[in-house]
Amino acid sequence: MFASSLMLMLLPAIAFDSAAVAIENGLQQCVQINKSDIVQRNNITLLDADISVLQAIGYCGCKSAVASYHLYNKEQHLRSEAITLKSSNTYSFVLAVDDKAPISESLRLQLSCAGD
């Protein structure tokens, strides 16, 4: 029992408040995003979210099912990635590739059509 308690105390905290990430959904008529948790897996900090595709994102002006997300810290662009939004699914947005980097309290994630 003591060893398992000690192991739990030595493990780093792996969950953060998802309120630290503001979502700007440019596809809100087609896609709904529900944030879950900020977690760390394999030294990568991720925002887990449930994405519900309400209708094809072509109805929101996209030329394909490919969207992109852009991550900002205040006005500084941190990263961008393309994601395919054909059906509802759980998605893990990458917030940081170094789990030692502090999570800013002012992250902003923008979702838009790819190429925007």
N, C-alpha and C. Protein backbone atom coordinates (compact mmCIF):
# COMPACT_ATOMS: atom_id res chain seq x y z
N MET A 1 0.83 -1.19 0.00
CA MET A 1 0.00 0.00 0.00
C MET A 1 0.87 1.25 0.00
N PHE A 2 1.91 1.28 0.81
CA PHE A 2 2.79 2.45 0.87
C PHE A 2 3.44 2.72 -0.48
N ALA A 3 3.90 1.66 -1.15
CA ALA A 3 4.56 1.82 -2.45
C ALA A 3 3.61 2.42 -3.48
N SER A 4 2.35 1.97 -3.49
CA SER A 4 1.41 2.51 -4.47
C SER A 4 1.07 3.96 -4.15
N SER A 5 0.98 4.31 -2.89
CA SER A 5 0.74 5.70 -2.51
C SER A 5 1.91 6.58 -2.92
N LEU A 6 3.12 6.08 -2.72
CA LEU A 6 4.31 6.83 -3.10
C LEU A 6 4.36 7.02 -4.61
N MET A 7 4.01 5.99 -5.36
CA MET A 7 4.01 6.10 -6.83
C MET A 7 3.02 7.17 -7.27
N LEU A 8 1.84 7.23 -6.66
CA LEU A 8 0.84 8.23 -7.04
C LEU A 8 1.35 9.64 -6.75
N MET A 9 2.09 9.81 -5.66
CA MET A 9 2.60 11.13 -5.33
C MET A 9 3.69 11.56 -6.30
N LEU A 10 4.41 10.61 -6.88
CA LEU A 10 5.50 10.94 -7.78
C LEU A 10 5.05 11.19 -9.22
N LEU A 11 3.86 10.75 -9.55
CA LEU A 11 3.36 10.94 -10.91
C LEU A 11 3.05 12.41 -11.13
N PRO A 12 3.41 12.96 -12.29
CA PRO A 12 3.08 14.36 -12.56
C PRO A 12 1.58 14.51 -12.79
N ALA A 13 1.08 15.68 -12.50
CA ALA A 13 -0.33 15.96 -12.78
C ALA A 13 -0.53 15.93 -14.27
N ILE A 14 -1.56 15.23 -14.74
CA ILE A 14 -1.73 15.09 -16.18
C ILE A 14 -3.00 15.77 -16.71
N ALA A 15 -3.80 16.34 -15.85
CA ALA A 15 -5.01 17.01 -16.33
C ALA A 15 -4.96 18.49 -15.96
N PHE A 16 -5.43 19.32 -16.87
CA PHE A 16 -5.48 20.76 -16.67
C PHE A 16 -6.90 21.21 -16.93
N ASP A 17 -7.18 22.44 -16.61
CA ASP A 17 -8.50 23.01 -16.84
C ASP A 17 -8.66 23.37 -18.31
N SER A 18 -9.64 22.79 -18.98
CA SER A 18 -9.83 23.07 -20.40
C SER A 18 -10.32 24.49 -20.64
N ALA A 19 -10.72 25.21 -19.59
CA ALA A 19 -11.12 26.60 -19.74
C ALA A 19 -9.95 27.48 -20.16
N ALA A 20 -8.71 26.96 -20.04
CA ALA A 20 -7.53 27.72 -20.45
C ALA A 20 -7.46 27.90 -21.97
N VAL A 21 -8.31 27.18 -22.71
CA VAL A 21 -8.31 27.27 -24.17
C VAL A 21 -9.66 27.81 -24.64
N ALA A 22 -9.64 28.98 -25.28
CA ALA A 22 -10.85 29.55 -25.87
C ALA A 22 -10.99 29.00 -27.28
N ILE A 23 -12.19 28.58 -27.64
CA ILE A 23 -12.45 28.04 -28.98
C ILE A 23 -13.15 29.10 -29.81
N GLU A 24 -12.60 29.39 -30.99
CA GLU A 24 -13.25 30.25 -31.98
C GLU A 24 -13.60 29.35 -33.16
N ASN A 25 -14.85 28.95 -33.22
CA ASN A 25 -15.30 27.99 -34.20
C ASN A 25 -15.88 28.71 -35.41
N GLY A 26 -15.09 28.82 -36.46
CA GLY A 26 -15.55 29.44 -37.70
C GLY A 26 -16.48 28.55 -38.50
N LEU A 27 -16.70 27.34 -38.04
CA LEU A 27 -17.57 26.38 -38.73
C LEU A 27 -18.76 26.00 -37.85
N GLN A 28 -19.17 26.90 -36.97
CA GLN A 28 -20.17 26.55 -35.95
C GLN A 28 -21.52 26.15 -36.52
N GLN A 29 -21.84 26.54 -37.75
CA GLN A 29 -23.10 26.11 -38.36
C GLN A 29 -23.03 24.65 -38.81
N CYS A 30 -21.80 24.12 -38.91
CA CYS A 30 -21.61 22.75 -39.40
C CYS A 30 -21.01 21.81 -38.36
N VAL A 31 -20.24 22.37 -37.43
CA VAL A 31 -19.49 21.55 -36.48
C VAL A 31 -19.64 22.12 -35.08
N GLN A 32 -19.91 21.25 -34.12
CA GLN A 32 -19.97 21.65 -32.72
C GLN A 32 -18.77 21.03 -32.00
N ILE A 33 -18.10 21.84 -31.16
CA ILE A 33 -16.92 21.37 -30.41
C ILE A 33 -17.23 21.46 -28.93
N ASN A 34 -17.10 20.33 -28.23
CA ASN A 34 -17.26 20.29 -26.78
C ASN A 34 -15.94 19.87 -26.17
N LYS A 35 -15.30 20.83 -25.47
CA LYS A 35 -14.01 20.55 -24.84
C LYS A 35 -14.21 19.54 -23.71
N SER A 36 -13.22 18.70 -23.53
CA SER A 36 -13.25 17.73 -22.44
C SER A 36 -12.18 18.10 -21.42
N ASP A 37 -10.96 17.66 -21.65
CA ASP A 37 -9.86 17.89 -20.72
C ASP A 37 -8.59 18.23 -21.48
N ILE A 38 -7.68 18.90 -20.79
CA ILE A 38 -6.32 19.04 -21.28
C ILE A 38 -5.51 17.96 -20.58
N VAL A 39 -4.86 17.12 -21.36
CA VAL A 39 -4.12 15.98 -20.81
C VAL A 39 -2.72 15.92 -21.42
N GLN A 40 -1.88 15.15 -20.78
CA GLN A 40 -0.54 14.90 -21.32
C GLN A 40 -0.41 13.41 -21.62
N ARG A 41 0.01 13.13 -22.85
CA ARG A 41 0.25 11.76 -23.29
C ARG A 41 1.54 11.75 -24.09
N ASN A 42 2.44 10.86 -23.72
CA ASN A 42 3.70 10.71 -24.46
C ASN A 42 4.42 12.04 -24.64
N ASN A 43 4.49 12.83 -23.58
CA ASN A 43 5.18 14.13 -23.56
C ASN A 43 4.53 15.17 -24.46
N ILE A 44 3.29 14.98 -24.83
CA ILE A 44 2.56 15.93 -25.66
C ILE A 44 1.34 16.41 -24.87
N THR A 45 1.10 17.71 -24.87
CA THR A 45 -0.07 18.27 -24.19
C THR A 45 -1.19 18.40 -25.21
N LEU A 46 -2.35 17.83 -24.88
CA LEU A 46 -3.46 17.74 -25.82
C LEU A 46 -4.74 18.29 -25.20
N LEU A 47 -5.58 18.86 -26.04
CA LEU A 47 -6.94 19.21 -25.65
C LEU A 47 -7.85 18.17 -26.26
N ASP A 48 -8.45 17.34 -25.42
CA ASP A 48 -9.41 16.35 -25.91
C ASP A 48 -10.76 17.03 -26.08
N ALA A 49 -11.41 16.76 -27.20
CA ALA A 49 -12.70 17.39 -27.48
C ALA A 49 -13.58 16.43 -28.28
N ASP A 50 -14.87 16.54 -28.04
CA ASP A 50 -15.84 15.80 -28.85
C ASP A 50 -16.28 16.73 -29.97
N ILE A 51 -16.16 16.26 -31.19
CA ILE A 51 -16.55 17.05 -32.35
C ILE A 51 -17.79 16.41 -32.97
N SER A 52 -18.85 17.19 -33.05
CA SER A 52 -20.09 16.73 -33.67
C SER A 52 -20.25 17.43 -35.00
N VAL A 53 -20.27 16.64 -36.07
CA VAL A 53 -20.49 17.20 -37.40
C VAL A 53 -22.00 17.26 -37.62
N LEU A 54 -22.54 18.47 -37.68
CA LEU A 54 -23.98 18.67 -37.84
C LEU A 54 -24.40 18.56 -39.30
N GLN A 55 -23.52 19.02 -40.18
CA GLN A 55 -23.71 18.91 -41.63
C GLN A 55 -22.35 19.03 -42.29
N ALA A 56 -22.24 18.60 -43.52
CA ALA A 56 -20.95 18.66 -44.23
C ALA A 56 -20.41 20.08 -44.18
N ILE A 57 -19.09 20.21 -43.95
CA ILE A 57 -18.51 21.54 -43.79
C ILE A 57 -18.49 22.32 -45.11
N GLY A 58 -18.83 21.66 -46.21
CA GLY A 58 -19.02 22.36 -47.47
C GLY A 58 -20.14 23.40 -47.37
N TYR A 59 -21.13 23.13 -46.53
CA TYR A 59 -22.22 24.08 -46.30
C TYR A 59 -21.74 25.33 -45.56
N CYS A 60 -20.56 25.25 -44.98
CA CYS A 60 -19.99 26.41 -44.28
C CYS A 60 -18.90 27.08 -45.13
N GLY A 61 -18.85 26.74 -46.40
CA GLY A 61 -17.93 27.39 -47.32
C GLY A 61 -16.63 26.66 -47.59
N CYS A 62 -16.43 25.49 -46.99
CA CYS A 62 -15.20 24.73 -47.22
C CYS A 62 -15.28 24.01 -48.57
N LYS A 63 -14.13 23.83 -49.20
CA LYS A 63 -14.08 23.18 -50.51
C LYS A 63 -13.91 21.67 -50.40
N SER A 64 -13.66 21.17 -49.17
CA SER A 64 -13.52 19.74 -48.94
C SER A 64 -13.87 19.47 -47.48
N ALA A 65 -13.69 18.23 -47.06
CA ALA A 65 -13.96 17.86 -45.66
C ALA A 65 -12.77 18.17 -44.76
N VAL A 66 -11.75 18.81 -45.34
CA VAL A 66 -10.54 19.13 -44.56
C VAL A 66 -10.68 20.53 -43.97
N ALA A 67 -10.50 20.58 -42.66
CA ALA A 67 -10.50 21.85 -41.93
C ALA A 67 -9.11 22.03 -41.35
N SER A 68 -8.88 23.17 -40.74
CA SER A 68 -7.60 23.37 -40.05
C SER A 68 -7.86 24.07 -38.75
N TYR A 69 -6.96 23.82 -37.81
CA TYR A 69 -7.02 24.58 -36.57
C TYR A 69 -5.71 25.31 -36.38
N HIS A 70 -5.82 26.49 -35.81
CA HIS A 70 -4.67 27.36 -35.54
C HIS A 70 -4.68 27.65 -34.05
N LEU A 71 -3.54 27.52 -33.42
CA LEU A 71 -3.42 27.76 -31.99
C LEU A 71 -2.60 29.02 -31.76
N TYR A 72 -3.12 29.91 -30.93
CA TYR A 72 -2.47 31.18 -30.63
C TYR A 72 -2.31 31.34 -29.12
N ASN A 73 -1.25 32.00 -28.74
CA ASN A 73 -1.05 32.47 -27.37
C ASN A 73 -1.09 33.99 -27.47
N LYS A 74 -2.18 34.58 -27.02
CA LYS A 74 -2.47 35.99 -27.27
C LYS A 74 -2.50 36.17 -28.79
N GLU A 75 -1.59 36.92 -29.37
CA GLU A 75 -1.58 37.09 -30.83
C GLU A 75 -0.47 36.29 -31.50
N GLN A 76 0.32 35.56 -30.74
CA GLN A 76 1.43 34.78 -31.31
C GLN A 76 0.91 33.43 -31.81
N HIS A 77 1.14 33.16 -33.11
CA HIS A 77 0.73 31.90 -33.70
C HIS A 77 1.68 30.80 -33.22
N LEU A 78 1.13 29.73 -32.66
CA LEU A 78 1.95 28.64 -32.13
C LEU A 78 2.01 27.44 -33.07
N ARG A 79 0.89 27.07 -33.67
CA ARG A 79 0.88 25.90 -34.55
C ARG A 79 -0.41 25.85 -35.35
N SER A 80 -0.36 25.08 -36.43
CA SER A 80 -1.53 24.82 -37.26
C SER A 80 -1.50 23.36 -37.68
N GLU A 81 -2.67 22.78 -37.81
CA GLU A 81 -2.78 21.40 -38.31
C GLU A 81 -4.07 21.25 -39.08
N ALA A 82 -4.05 20.35 -40.05
CA ALA A 82 -5.25 20.03 -40.82
C ALA A 82 -5.93 18.82 -40.18
N ILE A 83 -7.26 18.85 -40.19
CA ILE A 83 -8.04 17.71 -39.70
C ILE A 83 -9.18 17.44 -40.67
N THR A 84 -9.57 16.20 -40.79
CA THR A 84 -10.68 15.81 -41.65
C THR A 84 -11.94 15.72 -40.80
N LEU A 85 -12.99 16.39 -41.25
CA LEU A 85 -14.25 16.43 -40.50
C LEU A 85 -15.38 15.85 -41.34
N LYS A 86 -15.38 14.54 -41.50
CA LYS A 86 -16.45 13.87 -42.25
C LYS A 86 -17.55 13.36 -41.34
N SER A 87 -17.17 13.01 -40.10
CA SER A 87 -18.17 12.47 -39.17
C SER A 87 -17.80 12.87 -37.75
N SER A 88 -18.75 12.75 -36.86
CA SER A 88 -18.53 13.08 -35.46
C SER A 88 -17.50 12.13 -34.86
N ASN A 89 -16.65 12.67 -33.99
CA ASN A 89 -15.59 11.87 -33.42
C ASN A 89 -14.97 12.62 -32.25
N THR A 90 -14.12 11.93 -31.51
CA THR A 90 -13.31 12.58 -30.48
C THR A 90 -11.98 12.93 -31.13
N TYR A 91 -11.50 14.13 -30.86
CA TYR A 91 -10.24 14.59 -31.45
C TYR A 91 -9.35 15.16 -30.36
N SER A 92 -8.06 14.94 -30.50
CA SER A 92 -7.08 15.49 -29.56
C SER A 92 -6.27 16.56 -30.28
N PHE A 93 -6.54 17.83 -29.93
CA PHE A 93 -5.82 18.95 -30.51
C PHE A 93 -4.47 19.07 -29.79
N VAL A 94 -3.38 19.16 -30.55
CA VAL A 94 -2.05 19.31 -29.96
C VAL A 94 -1.88 20.75 -29.49
N LEU A 95 -1.59 20.92 -28.19
CA LEU A 95 -1.34 22.24 -27.63
C LEU A 95 0.15 22.50 -27.47
N ALA A 96 0.93 21.47 -27.14
CA ALA A 96 2.37 21.61 -26.96
C ALA A 96 3.02 20.24 -27.15
N VAL A 97 4.22 20.25 -27.74
CA VAL A 97 4.94 19.00 -27.95
C VAL A 97 5.99 18.75 -26.88
N ASP A 98 6.03 19.62 -25.88
CA ASP A 98 6.95 19.47 -24.75
C ASP A 98 6.13 19.59 -23.48
N ASP A 99 5.97 18.48 -22.76
CA ASP A 99 5.12 18.51 -21.57
C ASP A 99 5.72 19.32 -20.43
N LYS A 100 6.96 19.79 -20.59
CA LYS A 100 7.58 20.61 -19.56
C LYS A 100 7.25 22.10 -19.76
N ALA A 101 6.77 22.45 -20.95
CA ALA A 101 6.42 23.84 -21.23
C ALA A 101 5.15 24.19 -20.48
N PRO A 102 5.10 25.35 -19.87
CA PRO A 102 3.89 25.75 -19.13
C PRO A 102 2.74 26.01 -20.10
N ILE A 103 1.54 25.70 -19.65
CA ILE A 103 0.35 25.98 -20.45
C ILE A 103 -0.09 27.41 -20.14
N SER A 104 -0.17 28.20 -21.19
CA SER A 104 -0.59 29.59 -21.03
C SER A 104 -2.06 29.63 -20.64
N GLU A 105 -2.44 30.63 -19.90
CA GLU A 105 -3.83 30.79 -19.52
C GLU A 105 -4.63 31.53 -20.58
N SER A 106 -4.01 31.84 -21.71
CA SER A 106 -4.71 32.60 -22.75
C SER A 106 -4.53 31.96 -24.12
N LEU A 107 -4.69 30.65 -24.21
CA LEU A 107 -4.62 29.98 -25.51
C LEU A 107 -5.94 30.15 -26.24
N ARG A 108 -5.82 30.31 -27.56
CA ARG A 108 -6.99 30.47 -28.41
C ARG A 108 -6.85 29.51 -29.58
N LEU A 109 -7.87 28.68 -29.80
CA LEU A 109 -7.87 27.71 -30.88
C LEU A 109 -8.93 28.13 -31.88
N GLN A 110 -8.52 28.36 -33.13
CA GLN A 110 -9.46 28.74 -34.20
C GLN A 110 -9.64 27.57 -35.14
N LEU A 111 -10.89 27.25 -35.44
CA LEU A 111 -11.22 26.21 -36.41
C LEU A 111 -11.80 26.88 -37.64
N SER A 112 -11.29 26.50 -38.83
CA SER A 112 -11.75 27.10 -40.06
C SER A 112 -11.56 26.11 -41.21
N CYS A 113 -12.01 26.49 -42.40
CA CYS A 113 -11.77 25.68 -43.58
C CYS A 113 -10.26 25.62 -43.82
N ALA A 114 -9.77 24.53 -44.36
CA ALA A 114 -8.35 24.43 -44.69
C ALA A 114 -8.04 25.49 -45.74
N GLY A 115 -6.90 26.13 -45.59
CA GLY A 115 -6.49 27.16 -46.53
C GLY A 115 -6.93 28.56 -46.13
N ASP A 116 -7.74 28.67 -45.09
CA ASP A 116 -8.16 30.01 -44.61
C ASP A 116 -7.16 30.59 -43.66
